[in-house]
PDB file of N, CA and C in Angstrom:
ATOM      1  N   MET A   1     -76.075-108.016  86.350  1.00  0.00           N
ATOM      2  CA  MET A   1     -76.637-106.711  86.067  1.00  0.00           C
ATOM      3  C   MET A   1     -75.685-105.945  85.139  1.00  0.00           C
ATOM      4  N   LEU A   2     -76.255-105.173  84.251  1.00  0.00           N
ATOM      5  CA  LEU A   2     -75.458-104.420  83.284  1.00  0.00           C
ATOM      6  C   LEU A   2     -74.943-103.126  83.888  1.00  0.00           C
ATOM      7  N   ASN A   3     -73.770-102.692  83.430  1.00  0.00           N
ATOM      8  CA  ASN A   3     -73.239-101.411  83.900  1.00  0.00           C
ATOM      9  C   ASN A   3     -73.831-100.268  83.069  1.00  0.00           C
ATOM     10  N   GLU A   4     -73.517 -99.053  83.434  1.00  0.00           N
ATOM     11  CA  GLU A   4     -74.110 -97.878  82.769  1.00  0.00           C
ATOM     12  C   GLU A   4     -73.736 -97.804  81.289  1.00  0.00           C
ATOM     13  N   GLU A   5     -72.501 -98.140  80.956  1.00  0.00           N
ATOM     14  CA  GLU A   5     -72.085 -98.106  79.547  1.00  0.00           C
ATOM     15  C   GLU A   5     -72.876 -99.123  78.725  1.00  0.00           C
ATOM     16  N   GLN A   6     -73.084-100.313  79.273  1.00  0.00           N
ATOM     17  CA  GLN A   6     -73.857-101.344  78.578  1.00  0.00           C
ATOM     18  C   GLN A   6     -75.312-100.910  78.406  1.00  0.00           C
ATOM     19  N   LYS A   7     -75.870-100.292  79.424  1.00  0.00           N
ATOM     20  CA  LYS A   7     -77.250 -99.792  79.334  1.00  0.00           C
ATOM     21  C   LYS A   7     -77.364 -98.731  78.242  1.00  0.00           C
ATOM     22  N   ARG A   8     -76.391 -97.811  78.212  1.00  0.00           N
ATOM     23  CA  ARG A   8     -76.401 -96.768  77.184  1.00  0.00           C
ATOM     24  C   ARG A   8     -76.302 -97.385  75.789  1.00  0.00           C
ATOM     25  N   ARG A   9     -75.488 -98.429  75.638  1.00  0.00           N
ATOM     26  CA  ARG A   9     -75.346 -99.089  74.333  1.00  0.00           C
ATOM     27  C   ARG A   9     -76.658 -99.721  73.897  1.00  0.00           C
ATOM     28  N   LEU A  10     -77.352-100.369  74.817  1.00  0.00           N
ATOM     29  CA  LEU A  10     -78.633-100.984  74.471  1.00  0.00           C
ATOM     30  C   LEU A  10     -79.671 -99.933  74.083  1.00  0.00           C
ATOM     31  N   ILE A  11     -79.676 -98.818  74.782  1.00  0.00           N
ATOM     32  CA  ILE A  11     -80.608 -97.738  74.431  1.00  0.00           C
ATOM     33  C   ILE A  11     -80.258 -97.177  73.051  1.00  0.00           C
ATOM     34  N   GLU A  12     -78.965 -97.042  72.771  1.00  0.00           N
ATOM     35  CA  GLU A  12     -78.524 -96.556  71.460  1.00  0.00           C
ATOM     36  C   GLU A  12     -78.961 -97.515  70.352  1.00  0.00           C
ATOM     37  N   VAL A  13     -78.786 -98.805  70.569  1.00  0.00           N
ATOM     38  CA  VAL A  13     -79.183 -99.811  69.576  1.00  0.00           C
ATOM     39  C   VAL A  13     -80.696 -99.769  69.365  1.00  0.00           C
ATOM     40  N   ALA A  14     -81.448 -99.665  70.460  1.00  0.00           N
ATOM     41  CA  ALA A  14     -82.909 -99.598  70.344  1.00  0.00           C
ATOM     42  C   ALA A  14     -83.324 -98.367  69.550  1.00  0.00           C
ATOM     43  N   HIS A  15     -82.707 -97.233  69.831  1.00  0.00           N
ATOM     44  CA  HIS A  15     -83.030 -95.997  69.119  1.00  0.00           C
ATOM     45  C   HIS A  15     -82.728 -96.135  67.633  1.00  0.00           C
ATOM     46  N   GLN A  16     -81.567 -96.706  67.306  1.00  0.00           N
ATOM     47  CA  GLN A  16     -81.195 -96.897  65.905  1.00  0.00           C
ATOM     48  C   GLN A  16     -82.163 -97.843  65.202  1.00  0.00           C
ATOM     49  N   ALA A  17     -82.570 -98.903  65.887  1.00  0.00           N
ATOM     50  CA  ALA A  17     -83.488 -99.882  65.290  1.00  0.00           C
ATOM     51  C   ALA A  17     -84.855 -99.269  65.025  1.00  0.00           C
ATOM     52  N   VAL A  18     -85.375 -98.506  65.977  1.00  0.00           N
ATOM     53  CA  VAL A  18     -86.681 -97.872  65.796  1.00  0.00           C
ATOM     54  C   VAL A  18     -86.612 -96.829  64.687  1.00  0.00           C
ATOM     55  N   THR A  19     -85.555 -96.033  64.687  1.00  0.00           N
ATOM     56  CA  THR A  19     -85.384 -95.010  63.653  1.00  0.00           C
ATOM     57  C   THR A  19     -85.322 -95.648  62.260  1.00  0.00           C
ATOM     58  N   ALA A  20     -84.581 -96.739  62.142  1.00  0.00           N
ATOM     59  CA  ALA A  20     -84.478 -97.430  60.855  1.00  0.00           C
ATOM     60  C   ALA A  20     -85.827 -97.998  60.433  1.00  0.00           C
ATOM     61  N   ALA A  21     -86.548 -98.582  61.362  1.00  0.00           N
ATOM     62  CA  ALA A  21     -87.853 -99.172  61.037  1.00  0.00           C
ATOM     63  C   ALA A  21     -88.834 -98.108  60.565  1.00  0.00           C
ATOM     64  N   VAL A  22     -88.866 -96.975  61.251  1.00  0.00           N
ATOM     65  CA  VAL A  22     -89.780 -95.893  60.881  1.00  0.00           C
ATOM     66  C   VAL A  22     -89.435 -95.343  59.502  1.00  0.00           C
ATOM     67  N   ALA A  23     -88.143 -95.300  59.177  1.00  0.00           N
ATOM     68  CA  ALA A  23     -87.691 -94.770  57.895  1.00  0.00           C
ATOM     69  C   ALA A  23     -87.671 -95.846  56.799  1.00  0.00           C
ATOM     70  N   HIS A  24     -88.136 -97.057  57.123  1.00  0.00           N
ATOM     71  CA  HIS A  24     -88.135 -98.174  56.173  1.00  0.00           C
ATOM     72  C   HIS A  24     -86.733 -98.447  55.643  1.00  0.00           C
ATOM     73  N   GLU A  25     -85.749 -98.387  56.543  1.00  0.00           N
ATOM     74  CA  GLU A  25     -84.356 -98.658  56.203  1.00  0.00           C
ATOM     75  C   GLU A  25     -83.925 -99.982  56.824  1.00  0.00           C
ATOM     76  N   PRO A  26     -82.820-100.547  56.379  1.00  0.00           N
ATOM     77  CA  PRO A  26     -82.335-101.799  56.974  1.00  0.00           C
ATOM     78  C   PRO A  26     -81.990-101.608  58.458  1.00  0.00           C
ATOM     79  N   ALA A  27     -82.088-102.679  59.195  1.00  0.00           N
ATOM     80  CA  ALA A  27     -81.734-102.636  60.616  1.00  0.00           C
ATOM     81  C   ALA A  27     -80.255-102.307  60.772  1.00  0.00           C
ATOM     82  N   PRO A  28     -79.900-101.626  61.865  1.00  0.00           N
ATOM     83  CA  PRO A  28     -78.496-101.271  62.090  1.00  0.00           C
ATOM     84  C   PRO A  28     -77.664-102.504  62.437  1.00  0.00           C
ATOM     85  N   ASP A  29     -76.353-102.362  62.298  1.00  0.00           N
ATOM     86  CA  ASP A  29     -75.424-103.417  62.694  1.00  0.00           C
ATOM     87  C   ASP A  29     -75.409-103.507  64.212  1.00  0.00           C
ATOM     88  N   LEU A  30     -75.666-104.676  64.751  1.00  0.00           N
ATOM     89  CA  LEU A  30     -75.749-104.845  66.198  1.00  0.00           C
ATOM     90  C   LEU A  30     -74.518-105.537  66.765  1.00  0.00           C
ATOM     91  N   ALA A  31     -73.451-105.590  66.010  1.00  0.00           N
ATOM     92  CA  ALA A  31     -72.247-106.292  66.440  1.00  0.00           C
ATOM     93  C   ALA A  31     -71.675-105.691  67.720  1.00  0.00           C
ATOM     94  N   THR A  32     -71.218-106.562  68.600  1.00  0.00           N
ATOM     95  CA  THR A  32     -70.563-106.135  69.829  1.00  0.00           C
ATOM     96  C   THR A  32     -69.563-107.201  70.249  1.00  0.00           C
ATOM     97  N   ASN A  33     -68.550-106.785  70.963  1.00  0.00           N
ATOM     98  CA  ASN A  33     -67.576-107.723  71.541  1.00  0.00           C
ATOM     99  C   ASN A  33     -67.798-107.882  73.036  1.00  0.00           C
ATOM    100  N   ASP A  34     -68.781-107.200  73.583  1.00  0.00           N
ATOM    101  CA  ASP A  34     -69.055-107.246  75.016  1.00  0.00           C
ATOM    102  C   ASP A  34     -69.687-108.595  75.371  1.00  0.00           C
ATOM    103  N   PRO A  35     -69.001-109.423  76.158  1.00  0.00           N
ATOM    104  CA  PRO A  35     -69.528-110.751  76.476  1.00  0.00           C
ATOM    105  C   PRO A  35     -70.868-110.714  77.211  1.00  0.00           C
ATOM    106  N   ASP A  36     -71.095-109.692  78.032  1.00  0.00           N
ATOM    107  CA  ASP A  36     -72.377-109.576  78.748  1.00  0.00           C
ATOM    108  C   ASP A  36     -73.523-109.309  77.782  1.00  0.00           C
ATOM    109  N   LEU A  37     -73.268-108.517  76.735  1.00  0.00           N
ATOM    110  CA  LEU A  37     -74.313-108.197  75.765  1.00  0.00           C
ATOM    111  C   LEU A  37     -74.515-109.315  74.751  1.00  0.00           C
ATOM    112  N   LEU A  38     -73.578-110.258  74.693  1.00  0.00           N
ATOM    113  CA  LEU A  38     -73.718-111.399  73.790  1.00  0.00           C
ATOM    114  C   LEU A  38     -74.512-112.545  74.414  1.00  0.00           C
ATOM    115  N   GLU A  39     -74.735-112.495  75.735  1.00  0.00           N
ATOM    116  CA  GLU A  39     -75.520-113.535  76.396  1.00  0.00           C
ATOM    117  C   GLU A  39     -76.978-113.450  75.954  1.00  0.00           C
ATOM    118  N   PRO A  40     -77.634-114.615  75.776  1.00  0.00           N
ATOM    119  CA  PRO A  40     -79.060-114.585  75.416  1.00  0.00           C
ATOM    120  C   PRO A  40     -79.890-114.011  76.572  1.00  0.00           C
ATOM    121  N   ARG A  41     -80.496-112.885  76.358  1.00  0.00           N
ATOM    122  CA  ARG A  41     -81.315-112.207  77.363  1.00  0.00           C
ATOM    123  C   ARG A  41     -82.442-111.474  76.666  1.00  0.00           C
ATOM    124  N   GLY A  42     -83.360-111.002  77.432  1.00  0.00           N
ATOM    125  CA  GLY A  42     -84.432-110.174  76.902  1.00  0.00           C
ATOM    126  C   GLY A  42     -84.198-108.722  77.282  1.00  0.00           C
ATOM    127  N   ALA A  43     -84.808-107.833  76.550  1.00  0.00           N
ATOM    128  CA  ALA A  43     -84.731-106.401  76.846  1.00  0.00           C
ATOM    129  C   ALA A  43     -86.075-105.783  76.522  1.00  0.00           C
ATOM    130  N   PHE A  44     -86.416-104.729  77.221  1.00  0.00           N
ATOM    131  CA  PHE A  44     -87.683-104.033  77.019  1.00  0.00           C
ATOM    132  C   PHE A  44     -87.398-102.560  76.824  1.00  0.00           C
ATOM    133  N   VAL A  45     -87.976-101.990  75.800  1.00  0.00           N
ATOM    134  CA  VAL A  45     -87.826-100.558  75.534  1.00  0.00           C
ATOM    135  C   VAL A  45     -89.209 -99.931  75.507  1.00  0.00           C
ATOM    136  N   CYS A  46     -89.359 -98.833  76.227  1.00  0.00           N
ATOM    137  CA  CYS A  46     -90.624 -98.105  76.265  1.00  0.00           C
ATOM    138  C   CYS A  46     -90.528 -96.917  75.314  1.00  0.00           C
ATOM    139  N   LEU A  47     -91.450 -96.834  74.377  1.00  0.00           N
ATOM    140  CA  LEU A  47     -91.490 -95.693  73.467  1.00  0.00           C
ATOM    141  C   LEU A  47     -92.470 -94.667  74.015  1.00  0.00           C
ATOM    142  N   CYS A  48     -92.006 -93.442  74.158  1.00  0.00           N
ATOM    143  CA  CYS A  48     -92.851 -92.365  74.686  1.00  0.00           C
ATOM    144  C   CYS A  48     -93.126 -91.382  73.554  1.00  0.00           C
ATOM    145  N   HIS A  49     -94.346 -90.944  73.452  1.00  0.00           N
ATOM    146  CA  HIS A  49     -94.738 -90.023  72.385  1.00  0.00           C
ATOM    147  C   HIS A  49     -94.877 -88.604  72.918  1.00  0.00           C
ATOM    148  N   ALA A  50     -94.415 -87.668  72.124  1.00  0.00           N
ATOM    149  CA  ALA A  50     -94.554 -86.252  72.461  1.00  0.00           C
ATOM    150  C   ALA A  50     -95.947 -85.777  72.066  1.00  0.00           C
ATOM    151  N   GLN A  51     -96.306 -84.605  72.492  1.00  0.00           N
ATOM    152  CA  GLN A  51     -97.589 -84.020  72.139  1.00  0.00           C
ATOM    153  C   GLN A  51     -97.661 -83.702  70.642  1.00  0.00           C
ATOM    154  N   GLU A  52     -96.509 -83.378  70.045  1.00  0.00           N
ATOM    155  CA  GLU A  52     -96.487 -83.089  68.613  1.00  0.00           C
ATOM    156  C   GLU A  52     -96.624 -84.395  67.841  1.00  0.00           C
ATOM    157  N   SER A  53     -97.395 -84.434  66.879  1.00  0.00           N
ATOM    158  CA  SER A  53     -97.687 -85.530  65.948  1.00  0.00           C
ATOM    159  C   SER A  53     -96.933 -86.846  66.157  1.00  0.00           C
ATOM    160  N   GLY A  54     -96.971 -87.384  67.342  1.00  0.00           N
ATOM    161  CA  GLY A  54     -96.473 -88.728  67.601  1.00  0.00           C
ATOM    162  C   GLY A  54     -94.970 -88.916  67.512  1.00  0.00           C
ATOM    163  N   ALA A  55     -94.190 -87.894  67.766  1.00  0.00           N
ATOM    164  CA  ALA A  55     -92.740 -88.039  67.699  1.00  0.00           C
ATOM    165  C   ALA A  55     -92.238 -88.936  68.827  1.00  0.00           C
ATOM    166  N   ILE A  56     -91.233 -89.733  68.540  1.00  0.00           N
ATOM    167  CA  ILE A  56     -90.605 -90.551  69.580  1.00  0.00           C
ATOM    168  C   ILE A  56     -89.646 -89.647  70.324  1.00  0.00           C
ATOM    169  N   THR A  57     -89.815 -89.516  71.639  1.00  0.00           N
ATOM    170  CA  THR A  57     -89.008 -88.554  72.384  1.00  0.00           C
ATOM    171  C   THR A  57     -87.937 -89.178  73.239  1.00  0.00           C
ATOM    172  N   ARG A  58     -88.132 -90.338  73.818  1.00  0.00           N
ATOM    173  CA  ARG A  58     -87.127 -90.941  74.676  1.00  0.00           C
ATOM    174  C   ARG A  58     -87.223 -92.448  74.681  1.00  0.00           C
ATOM    175  N   LEU A  59     -86.090 -93.044  75.009  1.00  0.00           N
ATOM    176  CA  LEU A  59     -86.026 -94.472  75.283  1.00  0.00           C
ATOM    177  C   LEU A  59     -85.475 -94.600  76.698  1.00  0.00           C
ATOM    178  N   HIS A  60     -86.123 -95.372  77.546  1.00  0.00           N
ATOM    179  CA  HIS A  60     -85.718 -95.499  78.944  1.00  0.00           C
ATOM    180  C   HIS A  60     -85.174 -96.895  79.239  1.00  0.00           C
ATOM    181  N   TRP A  61     -84.163 -96.955  80.083  1.00  0.00           N
ATOM    182  CA  TRP A  61     -83.678 -98.223  80.589  1.00  0.00           C
ATOM    183  C   TRP A  61     -84.515 -98.559  81.819  1.00  0.00           C
ATOM    184  N   LEU A  62     -85.099 -99.740  81.841  1.00  0.00           N
ATOM    185  CA  LEU A  62     -85.887-100.196  82.977  1.00  0.00           C
ATOM    186  C   LEU A  62     -85.085-101.234  83.737  1.00  0.00           C
ATOM    187  N   HIS A  63     -84.928-101.046  85.046  1.00  0.00           N
ATOM    188  CA  HIS A  63     -84.153-101.984  85.872  1.00  0.00           C
ATOM    189  C   HIS A  63     -84.856-103.290  86.000  1.00  0.00           C
TER     190      HIS A  63
END
């Protein structure tokens, strides 16, 4: 199981990736030295939309 710092890093990476994709920019650098984050695993990010014109408001870590 990932610790809180690792979870925050994954949410940060997901946010950067979505922001870059929406802006038609290159994907962010995903480099890490954390051995747990280098293991082949899957991750799921839920995008939530605000009432205002489809803004992305949060990314949640799902246990």
